[in-house]
């Protein structure tokens, strides 16, 4: 059976926000953390690498989200000050 969808270009997925990305990375960190206990040394080695990579990205995203929240708060404060 020839499914016409199998050869089509996939639909573009709407870009998610930082919070969605943080949740996905957190899940990835939890998954890789569980693999650190594997009996297979190659799986453990890959889990260490994945954990360290995801942790670095998670930290960057966390910092970016924090800066965005601070900037929004400052912009709101400046907006309120202008209207008073």
PDB file of N, CA and C in Angstrom:
ATOM      1  N   UNK A   1       0.844  -1.176   0.000  1.00  0.00           N
ATOM      2  CA  UNK A   1       0.000   0.000   0.000  1.00  0.00           C
ATOM      3  C   UNK A   1       0.886   1.235   0.000  1.00  0.00           C
ATOM      4  N   UNK A   2       0.596   2.172  -0.885  1.00  0.00           N
ATOM      5  CA  UNK A   2       1.383   3.389  -1.013  1.00  0.00           C
ATOM      6  C   UNK A   2       0.660   4.525  -0.300  1.00  0.00           C
ATOM      7  N   UNK A   3       1.223   4.962   0.797  1.00  0.00           N
ATOM      8  CA  UNK A   3       0.640   6.054   1.570  1.00  0.00           C
ATOM      9  C   UNK A   3       1.242   7.357   1.065  1.00  0.00           C
ATOM     10  N   UNK A   4       0.429   8.223   0.496  1.00  0.00           N
ATOM     11  CA  UNK A   4       0.949   9.473  -0.074  1.00  0.00           C
ATOM     12  C   UNK A   4       1.565  10.372   0.981  1.00  0.00           C
ATOM     13  N   UNK A   5       1.169  10.205   2.222  1.00  0.00           N
ATOM     14  CA  UNK A   5       1.728  11.039   3.287  1.00  0.00           C
ATOM     15  C   UNK A   5       3.170  10.671   3.607  1.00  0.00           C
ATOM     16  N   UNK A   6       3.570   9.443   3.321  1.00  0.00           N
ATOM     17  CA  UNK A   6       4.913   9.006   3.693  1.00  0.00           C
ATOM     18  C   UNK A   6       5.987   9.713   2.893  1.00  0.00           C
ATOM     19  N   UNK A   7       5.666  10.182   1.685  1.00  0.00           N
ATOM     20  CA  UNK A   7       6.648  10.867   0.854  1.00  0.00           C
ATOM     21  C   UNK A   7       6.477  12.381   0.874  1.00  0.00           C
ATOM     22  N   UNK A   8       5.532  12.866   1.630  1.00  0.00           N
ATOM     23  CA  UNK A   8       5.282  14.299   1.652  1.00  0.00           C
ATOM     24  C   UNK A   8       6.197  14.983   2.660  1.00  0.00           C
ATOM     25  N   UNK A   9       6.328  16.258   2.468  1.00  0.00           N
ATOM     26  CA  UNK A   9       7.126  17.062   3.395  1.00  0.00           C
ATOM     27  C   UNK A   9       6.325  17.209   4.678  1.00  0.00           C
ATOM     28  N   UNK A  10       6.961  16.975   5.832  1.00  0.00           N
ATOM     29  CA  UNK A  10       6.208  17.089   7.085  1.00  0.00           C
ATOM     30  C   UNK A  10       5.749  18.517   7.327  1.00  0.00           C
ATOM     31  N   UNK A  11       4.609  18.631   8.021  1.00  0.00           N
ATOM     32  CA  UNK A  11       4.112  19.953   8.379  1.00  0.00           C
ATOM     33  C   UNK A  11       5.093  20.628   9.324  1.00  0.00           C
ATOM     34  N   UNK A  12       5.192  21.911   9.183  1.00  0.00           N
ATOM     35  CA  UNK A  12       6.030  22.663  10.122  1.00  0.00           C
ATOM     36  C   UNK A  12       5.314  22.753  11.453  1.00  0.00           C
ATOM     37  N   UNK A  13       6.049  22.524  12.487  1.00  0.00           N
ATOM     38  CA  UNK A  13       5.499  22.619  13.824  1.00  0.00           C
ATOM     39  C   UNK A  13       5.750  24.028  14.328  1.00  0.00           C
ATOM     40  N   UNK A  14       4.739  24.603  14.930  1.00  0.00           N
ATOM     41  CA  UNK A  14       4.870  25.952  15.472  1.00  0.00           C
ATOM     42  C   UNK A  14       5.985  25.962  16.517  1.00  0.00           C
ATOM     43  N   UNK A  15       6.813  26.968  16.441  1.00  0.00           N
ATOM     44  CA  UNK A  15       7.913  27.090  17.391  1.00  0.00           C
ATOM     45  C   UNK A  15       7.367  27.230  18.808  1.00  0.00           C
ATOM     46  N   UNK A  16       7.963  26.507  19.725  1.00  0.00           N
ATOM     47  CA  UNK A  16       7.555  26.594  21.120  1.00  0.00           C
ATOM     48  C   UNK A  16       8.318  27.688  21.829  1.00  0.00           C
ATOM     49  N   UNK A  17       7.884  28.001  22.997  1.00  0.00           N
ATOM     50  CA  UNK A  17       8.554  29.018  23.792  1.00  0.00           C
ATOM     51  C   UNK A  17       9.644  28.413  24.660  1.00  0.00           C
ATOM     52  N   UNK A  18      10.263  29.260  25.427  1.00  0.00           N
ATOM     53  CA  UNK A  18      11.340  28.817  26.306  1.00  0.00           C
ATOM     54  C   UNK A  18      10.848  27.845  27.362  1.00  0.00           C
ATOM     55  N   UNK A  19       9.632  28.062  27.862  1.00  0.00           N
ATOM     56  CA  UNK A  19       9.111  27.167  28.891  1.00  0.00           C
ATOM     57  C   UNK A  19       8.921  25.756  28.348  1.00  0.00           C
ATOM     58  N   UNK A  20       8.417  25.648  27.129  1.00  0.00           N
ATOM     59  CA  UNK A  20       8.243  24.328  26.517  1.00  0.00           C
ATOM     60  C   UNK A  20       9.592  23.653  26.312  1.00  0.00           C
ATOM     61  N   UNK A  21      10.568  24.427  25.880  1.00  0.00           N
ATOM     62  CA  UNK A  21      11.903  23.871  25.679  1.00  0.00           C
ATOM     63  C   UNK A  21      12.530  23.441  27.002  1.00  0.00           C
ATOM     64  N   UNK A  22      12.330  24.244  28.036  1.00  0.00           N
ATOM     65  CA  UNK A  22      12.840  23.868  29.360  1.00  0.00           C
ATOM     66  C   UNK A  22      12.242  22.552  29.822  1.00  0.00           C
ATOM     67  N   UNK A  23      10.930  22.366  29.613  1.00  0.00           N
ATOM     68  CA  UNK A  23      10.275  21.111  30.016  1.00  0.00           C
ATOM     69  C   UNK A  23      10.845  19.922  29.254  1.00  0.00           C
ATOM     70  N   UNK A  24      11.056  20.088  27.945  1.00  0.00           N
ATOM     71  CA  UNK A  24      11.601  18.996  27.137  1.00  0.00           C
ATOM     72  C   UNK A  24      13.024  18.657  27.556  1.00  0.00           C
ATOM     73  N   UNK A  25      13.824  19.661  27.789  1.00  0.00           N
ATOM     74  CA  UNK A  25      15.197  19.411  28.221  1.00  0.00           C
ATOM     75  C   UNK A  25      15.236  18.766  29.597  1.00  0.00           C
ATOM     76  N   UNK A  26      14.321  19.154  30.461  1.00  0.00           N
ATOM     77  CA  UNK A  26      14.271  18.545  31.790  1.00  0.00           C
ATOM     78  C   UNK A  26      13.949  17.061  31.666  1.00  0.00           C
ATOM     79  N   UNK A  27      12.979  16.735  30.789  1.00  0.00           N
ATOM     80  CA  UNK A  27      12.655  15.322  30.553  1.00  0.00           C
ATOM     81  C   UNK A  27      13.862  14.576  30.004  1.00  0.00           C
ATOM     82  N   UNK A  28      14.597  15.211  29.096  1.00  0.00           N
ATOM     83  CA  UNK A  28      15.793  14.584  28.530  1.00  0.00           C
ATOM     84  C   UNK A  28      16.840  14.354  29.615  1.00  0.00           C
ATOM     85  N   UNK A  29      16.987  15.311  30.516  1.00  0.00           N
ATOM     86  CA  UNK A  29      17.934  15.152  31.617  1.00  0.00           C
ATOM     87  C   UNK A  29      17.538  13.995  32.525  1.00  0.00           C
ATOM     88  N   UNK A  30      16.252  13.887  32.827  1.00  0.00           N
ATOM     89  CA  UNK A  30      15.791  12.785  33.669  1.00  0.00           C
ATOM     90  C   UNK A  30      16.030  11.436  32.990  1.00  0.00           C
ATOM     91  N   UNK A  31      15.786  11.383  31.690  1.00  0.00           N
ATOM     92  CA  UNK A  31      16.010  10.145  30.940  1.00  0.00           C
ATOM     93  C   UNK A  31      17.478   9.764  30.942  1.00  0.00           C
ATOM     94  N   UNK A  32      18.338  10.719  30.638  1.00  0.00           N
ATOM     95  CA  UNK A  32      19.770  10.410  30.598  1.00  0.00           C
ATOM     96  C   UNK A  32      20.297  10.073  31.990  1.00  0.00           C
ATOM     97  N   UNK A  33      19.728  10.690  33.016  1.00  0.00           N
ATOM     98  CA  UNK A  33      20.136  10.374  34.381  1.00  0.00           C
ATOM     99  C   UNK A  33      19.829   8.913  34.715  1.00  0.00           C
ATOM    100  N   UNK A  34      18.678   8.436  34.281  1.00  0.00           N
ATOM    101  CA  UNK A  34      18.322   7.035  34.521  1.00  0.00           C
ATOM    102  C   UNK A  34      19.274   6.090  33.803  1.00  0.00           C
ATOM    103  N   UNK A  35      19.776   6.495  32.640  1.00  0.00           N
ATOM    104  CA  UNK A  35      20.694   5.648  31.880  1.00  0.00           C
ATOM    105  C   UNK A  35      22.085   5.590  32.492  1.00  0.00           C
ATOM    106  N   UNK A  36      22.378   6.484  33.418  1.00  0.00           N
ATOM    107  CA  UNK A  36      23.689   6.455  34.080  1.00  0.00           C
ATOM    108  C   UNK A  36      23.885   5.183  34.897  1.00  0.00           C
ATOM    109  N   UNK A  37      22.801   4.509  35.244  1.00  0.00           N
ATOM    110  CA  UNK A  37      22.869   3.271  36.030  1.00  0.00           C
ATOM    111  C   UNK A  37      22.878   2.011  35.168  1.00  0.00           C
ATOM    112  N   UNK A  38      23.015   2.173  33.862  1.00  0.00           N
ATOM    113  CA  UNK A  38      22.994   1.025  32.965  1.00  0.00           C
ATOM    114  C   UNK A  38      24.164   0.077  33.236  1.00  0.00           C
ATOM    115  N   UNK A  39      23.964  -1.182  32.947  1.00  0.00           N
ATOM    116  CA  UNK A  39      25.042  -2.170  33.066  1.00  0.00           C
ATOM    117  C   UNK A  39      26.033  -2.054  31.913  1.00  0.00           C
ATOM    118  N   UNK A  40      25.596  -1.478  30.811  1.00  0.00           N
ATOM    119  CA  UNK A  40      26.443  -1.338  29.630  1.00  0.00           C
ATOM    120  C   UNK A  40      27.313  -0.081  29.758  1.00  0.00           C
ATOM    121  N   UNK A  41      28.641  -0.238  29.769  1.00  0.00           N
ATOM    122  CA  UNK A  41      29.516   0.930  29.918  1.00  0.00           C
ATOM    123  C   UNK A  41      29.381   1.940  28.774  1.00  0.00           C
ATOM    124  N   UNK A  42      29.048   1.478  27.569  1.00  0.00           N
ATOM    125  CA  UNK A  42      28.867   2.403  26.448  1.00  0.00           C
ATOM    126  C   UNK A  42      27.619   3.261  26.648  1.00  0.00           C
ATOM    127  N   UNK A  43      26.581   2.650  27.176  1.00  0.00           N
ATOM    128  CA  UNK A  43      25.346   3.404  27.459  1.00  0.00           C
ATOM    129  C   UNK A  43      25.628   4.428  28.544  1.00  0.00           C
ATOM    130  N   UNK A  44      26.359   4.040  29.585  1.00  0.00           N
ATOM    131  CA  UNK A  44      26.698   4.985  30.665  1.00  0.00           C
ATOM    132  C   UNK A  44      27.521   6.148  30.121  1.00  0.00           C
ATOM    133  N   UNK A  45      28.505   5.842  29.282  1.00  0.00           N
ATOM    134  CA  UNK A  45      29.348   6.890  28.711  1.00  0.00           C
ATOM    135  C   UNK A  45      28.525   7.864  27.870  1.00  0.00           C
ATOM    136  N   UNK A  46      27.637   7.336  27.062  1.00  0.00           N
ATOM    137  CA  UNK A  46      26.776   8.200  26.247  1.00  0.00           C
ATOM    138  C   UNK A  46      25.815   9.005  27.130  1.00  0.00           C
ATOM    139  N   UNK A  47      25.348   8.388  28.214  1.00  0.00           N
ATOM    140  CA  UNK A  47      24.447   9.088  29.133  1.00  0.00           C
ATOM    141  C   UNK A  47      25.167  10.244  29.825  1.00  0.00           C
ATOM    142  N   UNK A  48      26.431  10.024  30.187  1.00  0.00           N
ATOM    143  CA  UNK A  48      27.216  11.107  30.788  1.00  0.00           C
ATOM    144  C   UNK A  48      27.340  12.269  29.807  1.00  0.00           C
ATOM    145  N   UNK A  49      27.650  11.955  28.571  1.00  0.00           N
ATOM    146  CA  UNK A  49      27.795  13.001  27.552  1.00  0.00           C
ATOM    147  C   UNK A  49      26.468  13.722  27.324  1.00  0.00           C
ATOM    148  N   UNK A  50      25.394  12.961  27.180  1.00  0.00           N
ATOM    149  CA  UNK A  50      24.081  13.572  26.950  1.00  0.00           C
ATOM    150  C   UNK A  50      23.664  14.439  28.131  1.00  0.00           C
ATOM    151  N   UNK A  51      23.925  13.954  29.341  1.00  0.00           N
ATOM    152  CA  UNK A  51      23.551  14.710  30.539  1.00  0.00           C
ATOM    153  C   UNK A  51      24.314  16.021  30.608  1.00  0.00           C
ATOM    154  N   UNK A  52      25.615  15.964  30.348  1.00  0.00           N
ATOM    155  CA  UNK A  52      26.417  17.192  30.427  1.00  0.00           C
ATOM    156  C   UNK A  52      26.019  18.185  29.339  1.00  0.00           C
ATOM    157  N   UNK A  53      25.725  17.696  28.143  1.00  0.00           N
ATOM    158  CA  UNK A  53      25.298  18.589  27.064  1.00  0.00           C
ATOM    159  C   UNK A  53      23.945  19.225  27.378  1.00  0.00           C
ATOM    160  N   UNK A  54      22.995  18.406  27.790  1.00  0.00           N
ATOM    161  CA  UNK A  54      21.656  18.923  28.078  1.00  0.00           C
ATOM    162  C   UNK A  54      21.673  19.869  29.274  1.00  0.00           C
ATOM    163  N   UNK A  55      22.516  19.576  30.264  1.00  0.00           N
ATOM    164  CA  UNK A  55      22.599  20.446  31.440  1.00  0.00           C
ATOM    165  C   UNK A  55      23.101  21.831  31.057  1.00  0.00           C
ATOM    166  N   UNK A  56      24.081  21.890  30.176  1.00  0.00           N
ATOM    167  CA  UNK A  56      24.594  23.184  29.731  1.00  0.00           C
ATOM    168  C   UNK A  56      23.552  23.985  28.979  1.00  0.00           C
ATOM    169  N   UNK A  57      22.817  23.323  28.107  1.00  0.00           N
ATOM    170  CA  UNK A  57      21.765  24.001  27.349  1.00  0.00           C
ATOM    171  C   UNK A  57      20.640  24.433  28.284  1.00  0.00           C
ATOM    172  N   UNK A  58      20.285  23.560  29.216  1.00  0.00           N
ATOM    173  CA  UNK A  58      19.215  23.883  30.175  1.00  0.00           C
ATOM    174  C   UNK A  58      19.592  25.125  30.981  1.00  0.00           C
ATOM    175  N   UNK A  59      20.834  25.192  31.424  1.00  0.00           N
ATOM    176  CA  UNK A  59      21.292  26.354  32.188  1.00  0.00           C
ATOM    177  C   UNK A  59      21.154  27.624  31.357  1.00  0.00           C
ATOM    178  N   UNK A  60      21.569  27.568  30.107  1.00  0.00           N
ATOM    179  CA  UNK A  60      21.481  28.741  29.235  1.00  0.00           C
ATOM    180  C   UNK A  60      20.037  29.182  29.041  1.00  0.00           C
ATOM    181  N   UNK A  61      19.154  28.228  28.821  1.00  0.00           N
ATOM    182  CA  UNK A  61      17.743  28.556  28.618  1.00  0.00           C
ATOM    183  C   UNK A  61      17.133  29.111  29.897  1.00  0.00           C
ATOM    184  N   UNK A  62      17.503  28.534  31.024  1.00  0.00           N
ATOM    185  CA  UNK A  62      17.008  29.020  32.313  1.00  0.00           C
ATOM    186  C   UNK A  62      17.430  30.471  32.520  1.00  0.00           C
ATOM    187  N   UNK A  63      18.690  30.775  32.225  1.00  0.00           N
ATOM    188  CA  UNK A  63      19.186  32.145  32.373  1.00  0.00           C
ATOM    189  C   UNK A  63      18.474  33.093  31.416  1.00  0.00           C
ATOM    190  N   UNK A  64      18.252  32.649  30.184  1.00  0.00           N
ATOM    191  CA  UNK A  64      17.564  33.482  29.200  1.00  0.00           C
ATOM    192  C   UNK A  64      16.135  33.775  29.645  1.00  0.00           C
ATOM    193  N   UNK A  65      15.446  32.746  30.129  1.00  0.00           N
ATOM    194  CA  UNK A  65      14.068  32.943  30.605  1.00  0.00           C
ATOM    195  C   UNK A  65      14.045  33.909  31.783  1.00  0.00           C
ATOM    196  N   UNK A  66      15.009  33.800  32.679  1.00  0.00           N
ATOM    197  CA  UNK A  66      15.086  34.699  33.824  1.00  0.00           C
ATOM    198  C   UNK A  66      15.321  36.134  33.363  1.00  0.00           C
ATOM    199  N   UNK A  67      16.233  36.325  32.411  1.00  0.00           N
ATOM    200  CA  UNK A  67      16.500  37.672  31.901  1.00  0.00           C
ATOM    201  C   UNK A  67      15.278  38.249  31.189  1.00  0.00           C
ATOM    202  N   UNK A  68      14.570  37.400  30.442  1.00  0.00           N
ATOM    203  CA  UNK A  68      13.358  37.880  29.776  1.00  0.00           C
ATOM    204  C   UNK A  68      12.313  38.330  30.792  1.00  0.00           C
ATOM    205  N   UNK A  69      12.168  37.585  31.864  1.00  0.00           N
ATOM    206  CA  UNK A  69      11.197  37.954  32.905  1.00  0.00           C
ATOM    207  C   UNK A  69      11.599  39.266  33.568  1.00  0.00           C
ATOM    208  N   UNK A  70      12.871  39.430  33.852  1.00  0.00           N
ATOM    209  CA  UNK A  70      13.340  40.676  34.461  1.00  0.00           C
ATOM    210  C   UNK A  70      13.131  41.858  33.528  1.00  0.00           C
ATOM    211  N   UNK A  71      13.434  41.662  32.244  1.00  0.00           N
ATOM    212  CA  UNK A  71      13.268  42.737  31.271  1.00  0.00           C
ATOM    213  C   UNK A  71      11.798  43.127  31.155  1.00  0.00           C
ATOM    214  N   UNK A  72      10.920  42.145  31.125  1.00  0.00           N
ATOM    215  CA  UNK A  72       9.481  42.434  31.057  1.00  0.00           C
ATOM    216  C   UNK A  72       9.032  43.234  32.274  1.00  0.00           C
ATOM    217  N   UNK A  73       9.532  42.867  33.446  1.00  0.00           N
ATOM    218  CA  UNK A  73       9.173  43.594  34.663  1.00  0.00           C
ATOM    219  C   UNK A  73       9.671  45.037  34.603  1.00  0.00           C
ATOM    220  N   UNK A  74      10.874  45.238  34.120  1.00  0.00           N
ATOM    221  CA  UNK A  74      11.415  46.601  33.985  1.00  0.00           C
ATOM    222  C   UNK A  74      10.622  47.416  32.971  1.00  0.00           C
ATOM    223  N   UNK A  75      10.244  46.779  31.856  1.00  0.00           N
ATOM    224  CA  UNK A  75       9.458  47.480  30.848  1.00  0.00           C
ATOM    225  C   UNK A  75       8.092  47.878  31.405  1.00  0.00           C
ATOM    226  N   UNK A  76       7.468  46.988  32.164  1.00  0.00           N
ATOM    227  CA  UNK A  76       6.178  47.314  32.783  1.00  0.00           C
ATOM    228  C   UNK A  76       6.323  48.459  33.778  1.00  0.00           C
ATOM    229  N   UNK A  77       7.381  48.440  34.574  1.00  0.00           N
ATOM    230  CA  UNK A  77       7.607  49.501  35.558  1.00  0.00           C
ATOM    231  C   UNK A  77       7.824  50.838  34.850  1.00  0.00           C
ATOM    232  N   UNK A  78       8.578  50.827  33.753  1.00  0.00           N
ATOM    233  CA  UNK A  78       8.828  52.058  32.997  1.00  0.00           C
ATOM    234  C   UNK A  78       7.529  52.563  32.370  1.00  0.00           C
ATOM    235  N   UNK A  79       6.707  51.643  31.889  1.00  0.00           N
ATOM    236  CA  UNK A  79       5.427  52.014  31.284  1.00  0.00           C
ATOM    237  C   UNK A  79       4.502  52.644  32.324  1.00  0.00           C
ATOM    238  N   UNK A  80       4.445  52.052  33.527  1.00  0.00           N
ATOM    239  CA  UNK A  80       3.609  52.613  34.601  1.00  0.00           C
ATOM    240  C   UNK A  80       4.122  53.999  35.016  1.00  0.00           C
ATOM    241  N   UNK A  81       5.435  54.152  35.045  1.00  0.00           N
ATOM    242  CA  UNK A  81       6.013  55.430  35.454  1.00  0.00           C
ATOM    243  C   UNK A  81       5.674  56.529  34.456  1.00  0.00           C
ATOM    244  N   UNK A  82       5.655  56.203  33.178  1.00  0.00           N
ATOM    245  CA  UNK A  82       5.332  57.191  32.136  1.00  0.00           C
ATOM    246  C   UNK A  82       3.881  57.642  32.216  1.00  0.00           C
ATOM    247  N   UNK A  83       3.016  56.757  32.649  1.00  0.00           N
ATOM    248  CA  UNK A  83       1.589  57.086  32.678  1.00  0.00           C
ATOM    249  C   UNK A  83       1.181  57.805  33.961  1.00  0.00           C
ATOM    250  N   UNK A  84       2.074  57.900  34.922  1.00  0.00           N
ATOM    251  CA  UNK A  84       1.726  58.591  36.180  1.00  0.00           C
ATOM    252  C   UNK A  84       2.241  60.003  36.185  1.00  0.00           C
TER     253      UNK A  84
END
